N, C-alpha and C. Protein backbone atom coordinates (compact mmCIF):
# COMPACT_ATOMS: atom_id res chain seq x y z
N MET A 1 -41.92 50.29 -22.51
CA MET A 1 -40.78 51.16 -22.42
C MET A 1 -39.51 50.33 -22.66
N SER A 2 -38.65 50.81 -23.57
CA SER A 2 -37.42 50.08 -23.85
C SER A 2 -36.34 50.45 -22.85
N SER A 3 -35.35 49.60 -22.77
CA SER A 3 -34.24 49.84 -21.85
C SER A 3 -33.39 51.00 -22.36
N SER A 4 -32.97 51.85 -21.46
CA SER A 4 -32.11 52.97 -21.80
C SER A 4 -30.66 52.52 -21.71
N THR A 5 -29.80 53.15 -22.52
CA THR A 5 -28.38 52.81 -22.47
C THR A 5 -27.70 53.58 -21.34
N CYS A 6 -26.56 53.08 -20.93
CA CYS A 6 -25.78 53.79 -19.91
C CYS A 6 -25.43 55.19 -20.38
N GLY A 7 -25.15 55.34 -21.67
CA GLY A 7 -24.82 56.65 -22.23
C GLY A 7 -25.98 57.63 -22.13
N GLU A 8 -27.20 57.15 -22.43
CA GLU A 8 -28.39 58.00 -22.32
C GLU A 8 -28.61 58.44 -20.88
N ILE A 9 -28.49 57.49 -19.98
CA ILE A 9 -28.69 57.79 -18.56
C ILE A 9 -27.65 58.80 -18.08
N ALA A 10 -26.38 58.58 -18.45
CA ALA A 10 -25.31 59.48 -18.03
C ALA A 10 -25.52 60.89 -18.59
N ALA A 11 -25.97 60.99 -19.84
CA ALA A 11 -26.19 62.31 -20.44
C ALA A 11 -27.29 63.08 -19.71
N VAL A 12 -28.37 62.39 -19.38
CA VAL A 12 -29.46 63.05 -18.66
C VAL A 12 -29.00 63.47 -17.26
N LEU A 13 -28.29 62.58 -16.57
CA LEU A 13 -27.79 62.92 -15.24
C LEU A 13 -26.80 64.07 -15.29
N ASP A 14 -25.94 64.11 -16.31
CA ASP A 14 -25.00 65.23 -16.46
C ASP A 14 -25.76 66.54 -16.64
N GLY A 15 -26.81 66.52 -17.46
CA GLY A 15 -27.62 67.71 -17.65
C GLY A 15 -28.31 68.16 -16.38
N LEU A 16 -28.89 67.21 -15.65
CA LEU A 16 -29.54 67.53 -14.38
C LEU A 16 -28.55 68.11 -13.38
N ASP A 17 -27.37 67.50 -13.32
CA ASP A 17 -26.34 67.95 -12.40
C ASP A 17 -25.93 69.38 -12.71
N GLY A 18 -25.74 69.67 -13.99
CA GLY A 18 -25.36 71.02 -14.39
C GLY A 18 -26.43 72.05 -14.06
N GLU A 19 -27.68 71.71 -14.32
CA GLU A 19 -28.77 72.64 -14.02
C GLU A 19 -28.94 72.82 -12.51
N ALA A 20 -28.74 71.75 -11.75
CA ALA A 20 -28.81 71.87 -10.29
C ALA A 20 -27.71 72.81 -9.79
N GLU A 21 -26.52 72.70 -10.36
CA GLU A 21 -25.42 73.61 -9.99
C GLU A 21 -25.81 75.06 -10.28
N ARG A 22 -26.40 75.29 -11.46
CA ARG A 22 -26.82 76.65 -11.82
C ARG A 22 -27.85 77.17 -10.84
N LEU A 23 -28.81 76.33 -10.47
CA LEU A 23 -29.84 76.74 -9.52
C LEU A 23 -29.23 77.09 -8.17
N CYS A 24 -28.26 76.31 -7.74
CA CYS A 24 -27.61 76.56 -6.44
C CYS A 24 -26.82 77.86 -6.43
N GLU A 25 -26.41 78.32 -7.58
CA GLU A 25 -25.62 79.55 -7.66
C GLU A 25 -26.49 80.80 -7.69
N LEU A 26 -27.79 80.65 -7.85
CA LEU A 26 -28.69 81.80 -7.93
C LEU A 26 -28.93 82.41 -6.56
N SER A 27 -29.25 83.70 -6.58
CA SER A 27 -29.63 84.41 -5.36
C SER A 27 -31.13 84.68 -5.44
N PHE A 28 -31.81 84.50 -4.36
CA PHE A 28 -33.26 84.67 -4.34
C PHE A 28 -33.68 85.93 -3.59
N GLU A 29 -32.73 86.78 -3.26
CA GLU A 29 -32.99 87.96 -2.44
C GLU A 29 -33.92 88.97 -3.09
N ALA A 30 -33.93 89.07 -4.41
CA ALA A 30 -34.77 90.06 -5.09
C ALA A 30 -36.18 89.55 -5.35
N SER A 31 -36.46 88.31 -4.99
CA SER A 31 -37.76 87.71 -5.26
C SER A 31 -38.78 88.13 -4.21
N THR A 32 -40.03 88.24 -4.65
CA THR A 32 -41.12 88.54 -3.72
C THR A 32 -41.53 87.27 -2.99
N THR A 33 -42.33 87.43 -1.97
CA THR A 33 -42.84 86.27 -1.23
C THR A 33 -43.60 85.33 -2.15
N ALA A 34 -44.46 85.88 -3.00
CA ALA A 34 -45.23 85.05 -3.93
C ALA A 34 -44.30 84.30 -4.89
N GLU A 35 -43.27 84.98 -5.37
CA GLU A 35 -42.31 84.33 -6.27
C GLU A 35 -41.55 83.23 -5.55
N LEU A 36 -41.14 83.49 -4.32
CA LEU A 36 -40.41 82.49 -3.54
C LEU A 36 -41.27 81.26 -3.26
N LEU A 37 -42.55 81.48 -2.97
CA LEU A 37 -43.46 80.35 -2.77
C LEU A 37 -43.61 79.54 -4.06
N GLY A 38 -43.63 80.22 -5.19
CA GLY A 38 -43.68 79.52 -6.47
C GLY A 38 -42.41 78.72 -6.73
N VAL A 39 -41.27 79.30 -6.37
CA VAL A 39 -39.99 78.61 -6.54
C VAL A 39 -39.95 77.36 -5.68
N ILE A 40 -40.30 77.49 -4.40
CA ILE A 40 -40.21 76.33 -3.50
C ILE A 40 -41.19 75.24 -3.95
N ASP A 41 -42.34 75.65 -4.50
CA ASP A 41 -43.30 74.68 -5.02
C ASP A 41 -42.69 73.90 -6.19
N ARG A 42 -42.04 74.60 -7.10
CA ARG A 42 -41.42 73.94 -8.25
C ARG A 42 -40.27 73.04 -7.83
N VAL A 43 -39.46 73.50 -6.89
CA VAL A 43 -38.36 72.67 -6.40
C VAL A 43 -38.90 71.39 -5.78
N GLU A 44 -39.95 71.50 -5.00
CA GLU A 44 -40.55 70.32 -4.36
C GLU A 44 -41.09 69.34 -5.40
N ARG A 45 -41.74 69.86 -6.45
CA ARG A 45 -42.25 68.98 -7.50
C ARG A 45 -41.12 68.25 -8.22
N ILE A 46 -40.02 68.94 -8.44
CA ILE A 46 -38.87 68.32 -9.09
C ILE A 46 -38.28 67.23 -8.20
N VAL A 47 -38.12 67.52 -6.91
CA VAL A 47 -37.59 66.53 -5.97
C VAL A 47 -38.47 65.28 -5.97
N ARG A 48 -39.78 65.47 -5.97
CA ARG A 48 -40.70 64.33 -5.97
C ARG A 48 -40.60 63.53 -7.27
N LYS A 49 -40.46 64.22 -8.40
CA LYS A 49 -40.30 63.52 -9.67
C LYS A 49 -39.03 62.68 -9.68
N LEU A 50 -37.96 63.20 -9.09
CA LEU A 50 -36.69 62.48 -9.10
C LEU A 50 -36.72 61.23 -8.23
N ALA A 51 -37.70 61.12 -7.35
CA ALA A 51 -37.84 59.89 -6.57
C ALA A 51 -38.20 58.71 -7.47
N VAL A 52 -38.88 58.98 -8.58
CA VAL A 52 -39.32 57.90 -9.47
C VAL A 52 -38.14 57.14 -10.07
N PRO A 53 -37.17 57.81 -10.71
CA PRO A 53 -36.03 57.03 -11.21
C PRO A 53 -35.21 56.42 -10.08
N GLY A 54 -35.16 57.07 -8.93
CA GLY A 54 -34.47 56.49 -7.78
C GLY A 54 -35.10 55.17 -7.37
N HIS A 55 -36.42 55.14 -7.34
CA HIS A 55 -37.13 53.90 -7.02
C HIS A 55 -36.87 52.83 -8.08
N ALA A 56 -36.85 53.25 -9.34
CA ALA A 56 -36.61 52.29 -10.42
C ALA A 56 -35.22 51.66 -10.30
N VAL A 57 -34.23 52.47 -9.95
CA VAL A 57 -32.86 51.96 -9.81
C VAL A 57 -32.78 51.01 -8.62
N ILE A 58 -33.36 51.40 -7.49
CA ILE A 58 -33.34 50.53 -6.31
C ILE A 58 -34.06 49.22 -6.61
N ASN A 59 -35.20 49.31 -7.30
CA ASN A 59 -35.95 48.11 -7.66
C ASN A 59 -35.11 47.19 -8.56
N GLN A 60 -34.43 47.76 -9.54
CA GLN A 60 -33.61 46.96 -10.44
C GLN A 60 -32.46 46.31 -9.68
N LEU A 61 -31.84 47.06 -8.76
CA LEU A 61 -30.78 46.47 -7.93
C LEU A 61 -31.32 45.32 -7.09
N ALA A 62 -32.51 45.51 -6.52
CA ALA A 62 -33.11 44.45 -5.68
C ALA A 62 -33.40 43.20 -6.50
N LEU A 63 -33.78 43.39 -7.75
CA LEU A 63 -34.12 42.26 -8.61
C LEU A 63 -32.89 41.55 -9.18
N ALA A 64 -31.86 42.31 -9.53
CA ALA A 64 -30.78 41.74 -10.33
C ALA A 64 -29.43 41.61 -9.64
N ALA A 65 -29.14 42.47 -8.68
CA ALA A 65 -27.80 42.47 -8.09
C ALA A 65 -27.67 41.37 -7.03
N THR A 66 -26.52 40.74 -7.03
CA THR A 66 -26.24 39.73 -6.01
C THR A 66 -25.55 40.40 -4.83
N ASN A 67 -25.59 39.74 -3.68
CA ASN A 67 -24.88 40.26 -2.51
C ASN A 67 -23.39 40.38 -2.79
N ALA A 68 -22.85 39.48 -3.60
CA ALA A 68 -21.42 39.56 -3.95
C ALA A 68 -21.14 40.84 -4.75
N GLU A 69 -22.02 41.15 -5.71
CA GLU A 69 -21.84 42.38 -6.50
C GLU A 69 -21.99 43.62 -5.63
N LEU A 70 -22.89 43.55 -4.67
CA LEU A 70 -23.15 44.68 -3.78
C LEU A 70 -22.15 44.77 -2.63
N CYS A 71 -21.35 43.73 -2.47
CA CYS A 71 -20.43 43.63 -1.31
C CYS A 71 -21.21 43.66 -0.01
N GLY A 72 -22.34 42.97 0.02
CA GLY A 72 -23.20 42.91 1.20
C GLY A 72 -24.65 42.96 0.75
N THR A 73 -25.49 43.42 1.63
CA THR A 73 -26.91 43.54 1.30
C THR A 73 -27.15 44.83 0.52
N LEU A 74 -28.33 44.93 -0.06
CA LEU A 74 -28.70 46.16 -0.77
C LEU A 74 -28.68 47.34 0.19
N GLY A 75 -29.18 47.15 1.39
CA GLY A 75 -29.16 48.23 2.38
C GLY A 75 -27.75 48.69 2.70
N GLN A 76 -26.83 47.74 2.84
CA GLN A 76 -25.44 48.10 3.10
C GLN A 76 -24.83 48.84 1.92
N ALA A 77 -25.12 48.38 0.71
CA ALA A 77 -24.58 49.02 -0.49
C ALA A 77 -25.08 50.45 -0.63
N LEU A 78 -26.38 50.65 -0.42
CA LEU A 78 -26.93 52.01 -0.51
C LEU A 78 -26.35 52.90 0.58
N SER A 79 -26.24 52.36 1.77
CA SER A 79 -25.67 53.12 2.88
C SER A 79 -24.25 53.58 2.55
N ASN A 80 -23.44 52.68 2.04
CA ASN A 80 -22.06 53.01 1.71
C ASN A 80 -21.98 53.98 0.54
N ARG A 81 -22.69 53.69 -0.54
CA ARG A 81 -22.58 54.49 -1.76
C ARG A 81 -23.17 55.88 -1.59
N LEU A 82 -24.29 55.98 -0.89
CA LEU A 82 -24.97 57.27 -0.72
C LEU A 82 -24.52 58.03 0.52
N ARG A 83 -23.67 57.38 1.31
CA ARG A 83 -23.16 57.98 2.55
C ARG A 83 -24.31 58.38 3.48
N ILE A 84 -25.23 57.42 3.64
CA ILE A 84 -26.35 57.60 4.57
C ILE A 84 -26.31 56.45 5.56
N ASN A 85 -27.03 56.61 6.68
CA ASN A 85 -27.01 55.50 7.65
C ASN A 85 -27.86 54.33 7.13
N LYS A 86 -27.62 53.17 7.71
CA LYS A 86 -28.28 51.95 7.23
C LYS A 86 -29.80 52.02 7.39
N SER A 87 -30.26 52.69 8.44
CA SER A 87 -31.69 52.84 8.65
C SER A 87 -32.32 53.63 7.51
N ASP A 88 -31.68 54.72 7.08
CA ASP A 88 -32.19 55.51 5.96
C ASP A 88 -32.15 54.71 4.66
N ALA A 89 -31.10 53.92 4.48
CA ALA A 89 -31.00 53.08 3.28
C ALA A 89 -32.13 52.07 3.25
N ASN A 90 -32.38 51.42 4.37
CA ASN A 90 -33.47 50.44 4.43
C ASN A 90 -34.83 51.09 4.25
N GLN A 91 -34.97 52.33 4.72
CA GLN A 91 -36.22 53.05 4.53
C GLN A 91 -36.46 53.31 3.04
N ARG A 92 -35.40 53.63 2.31
CA ARG A 92 -35.54 53.84 0.86
C ARG A 92 -35.98 52.56 0.17
N ILE A 93 -35.43 51.44 0.61
CA ILE A 93 -35.81 50.15 0.03
C ILE A 93 -37.28 49.86 0.32
N THR A 94 -37.72 50.13 1.55
CA THR A 94 -39.12 49.93 1.94
C THR A 94 -40.04 50.84 1.14
N GLN A 95 -39.65 52.11 0.96
CA GLN A 95 -40.45 53.05 0.18
C GLN A 95 -40.57 52.60 -1.27
N THR A 96 -39.48 52.07 -1.80
CA THR A 96 -39.50 51.56 -3.17
C THR A 96 -40.46 50.39 -3.30
N ALA A 97 -40.41 49.47 -2.35
CA ALA A 97 -41.31 48.32 -2.37
C ALA A 97 -42.76 48.78 -2.27
N ALA A 98 -43.02 49.77 -1.43
CA ALA A 98 -44.39 50.29 -1.28
C ALA A 98 -44.85 50.97 -2.56
N ALA A 99 -43.96 51.72 -3.20
CA ALA A 99 -44.31 52.38 -4.46
C ALA A 99 -44.61 51.35 -5.54
N ASN A 100 -43.86 50.26 -5.56
CA ASN A 100 -44.10 49.20 -6.54
C ASN A 100 -45.43 48.50 -6.28
N ALA A 101 -45.78 48.35 -5.02
CA ALA A 101 -47.03 47.67 -4.66
C ALA A 101 -48.25 48.49 -5.06
N THR A 102 -48.12 49.81 -5.00
CA THR A 102 -49.25 50.68 -5.34
C THR A 102 -49.24 51.10 -6.80
N GLY A 103 -48.08 50.97 -7.46
CA GLY A 103 -47.95 51.43 -8.85
C GLY A 103 -48.24 50.37 -9.78
């Protein structure tokens, strides 16, 4: 797999962001129970797929970024940038390492 450019990555993220906005604007009131279960199943599959590039980014940061670039540790940088607590940030790093070990 070749390296993607920042432009390619930004374009895909812009598209995902736009589609997520559209999904959030929808009303599900007219859907049947079976349809709603199908929707939640698809949403869950998408969320799980999106963990893969998230792991790849965290892995690349762990490999290449210095503490000076991160203004601290990777856990601190993720905590600050993602506005999550440090424990959750460290859990993401641990999950990424586990995914790399099994993948």
